[in-house]
Amino acid sequence: MNPTIAEPLAQYIAEKILKLPKRKIQPDEPLLSGGLIDSFYLVDLALFVEDVFGVRIDDTELNKDSFDTLAQLSKLIEQRQR
């Protein structure tokens, strides 16, 4: 997992979504299935990813198969940046 991708994602989730800036999000921590992020914040996270990393996220990818962990999301972003 690329830290230059994972760290800004973790920071955004902790600060903007959870409102807990000191909260450390682990790479394999379940975001959707664990209840940290709901469907409203999922859209916000997707917009953040598109703006910051310059990749396109399809609406069909807004699910736990692509967005459930930082590791999954980082991998998706890395693939799109190639």
Protein backbone atom coordinates (compact mmCIF):
# COMPACT_ATOMS: atom_id res chain seq x y z
CA MET A 1 0.00 0.00 0.00
CA ASN A 2 1.36 3.36 -1.06
CA PRO A 3 1.68 5.73 1.94
CA THR A 4 1.41 8.82 -0.27
CA ILE A 5 -2.11 7.62 -1.10
CA ALA A 6 -3.14 5.97 2.16
CA GLU A 7 -2.07 8.75 4.53
CA PRO A 8 -4.17 11.54 2.96
CA LEU A 9 -7.13 9.14 2.75
CA ALA A 10 -6.80 8.18 6.42
CA GLN A 11 -6.41 11.82 7.43
CA TYR A 12 -9.49 12.87 5.44
CA ILE A 13 -11.60 10.08 6.92
CA ALA A 14 -10.48 10.84 10.48
CA GLU A 15 -10.82 14.62 10.25
CA LYS A 16 -13.71 15.27 7.88
CA ILE A 17 -15.88 12.18 8.22
CA LEU A 18 -15.32 10.88 11.75
CA LYS A 19 -14.48 14.32 13.20
CA LEU A 20 -11.71 12.61 15.20
CA PRO A 21 -8.45 14.09 13.85
CA LYS A 22 -6.24 11.95 16.09
CA ARG A 23 -7.97 8.69 15.08
CA LYS A 24 -5.63 6.30 13.27
CA ILE A 25 -7.29 4.34 10.48
CA GLN A 26 -5.60 0.99 9.90
CA PRO A 27 -5.02 -0.25 6.32
CA ASP A 28 -7.29 -3.27 6.76
CA GLU A 29 -9.89 -1.65 9.03
CA PRO A 30 -13.39 -2.09 7.55
CA LEU A 31 -14.81 1.32 6.71
CA LEU A 32 -18.20 0.44 5.25
CA SER A 33 -18.86 -2.99 6.68
CA GLY A 34 -17.50 -1.80 10.04
CA GLY A 35 -19.90 1.14 10.11
CA LEU A 36 -17.29 3.92 10.10
CA ILE A 37 -18.57 5.35 6.83
CA ASP A 38 -22.17 5.43 5.65
CA SER A 39 -23.49 5.95 2.13
CA PHE A 40 -23.59 9.74 2.47
CA TYR A 41 -19.93 9.97 3.44
CA LEU A 42 -19.02 7.41 0.80
CA VAL A 43 -19.93 9.93 -1.90
CA ASP A 44 -17.86 12.61 -0.13
CA LEU A 45 -14.91 10.24 0.02
CA ALA A 46 -15.25 9.43 -3.69
CA LEU A 47 -15.27 13.15 -4.55
CA PHE A 48 -12.17 13.65 -2.39
CA VAL A 49 -10.42 10.80 -4.21
CA GLU A 50 -11.29 12.25 -7.61
CA ASP A 51 -10.18 15.77 -6.66
CA VAL A 52 -6.97 14.91 -4.84
CA PHE A 53 -5.72 11.95 -6.86
CA GLY A 54 -7.11 12.88 -10.27
CA VAL A 55 -8.83 9.56 -10.90
CA ARG A 56 -12.39 8.81 -11.96
CA ILE A 57 -14.55 6.68 -9.67
CA ASP A 58 -17.57 5.06 -11.28
CA ASP A 59 -20.80 5.05 -9.29
CA THR A 60 -20.86 1.25 -9.47
CA GLU A 61 -17.58 1.17 -7.52
CA LEU A 62 -19.06 2.87 -4.48
CA ASN A 63 -19.38 -0.34 -2.50
CA LYS A 64 -17.55 -2.49 0.02
CA ASP A 65 -15.70 -4.36 -2.73
CA SER A 66 -13.76 -1.20 -3.67
CA PHE A 67 -14.07 1.15 -0.69
CA ASP A 68 -14.17 -1.02 2.44
CA THR A 69 -10.54 -0.56 3.50
CA LEU A 70 -7.73 1.90 2.91
CA ALA A 71 -5.77 -0.91 1.28
CA GLN A 72 -8.55 -1.56 -1.26
CA LEU A 73 -9.05 2.08 -2.01
CA SER A 74 -5.31 2.74 -2.33
CA LYS A 75 -4.99 -0.15 -4.77
CA LEU A 76 -7.87 1.19 -6.87
CA ILE A 77 -6.29 4.65 -6.99
CA GLU A 78 -2.87 3.24 -7.90
CA GLN A 79 -4.38 1.24 -10.75
CA ARG A 80 -6.16 4.31 -12.11
CA GLN A 81 -3.05 6.48 -11.95
CA ARG A 82 -1.06 4.20 -14.25
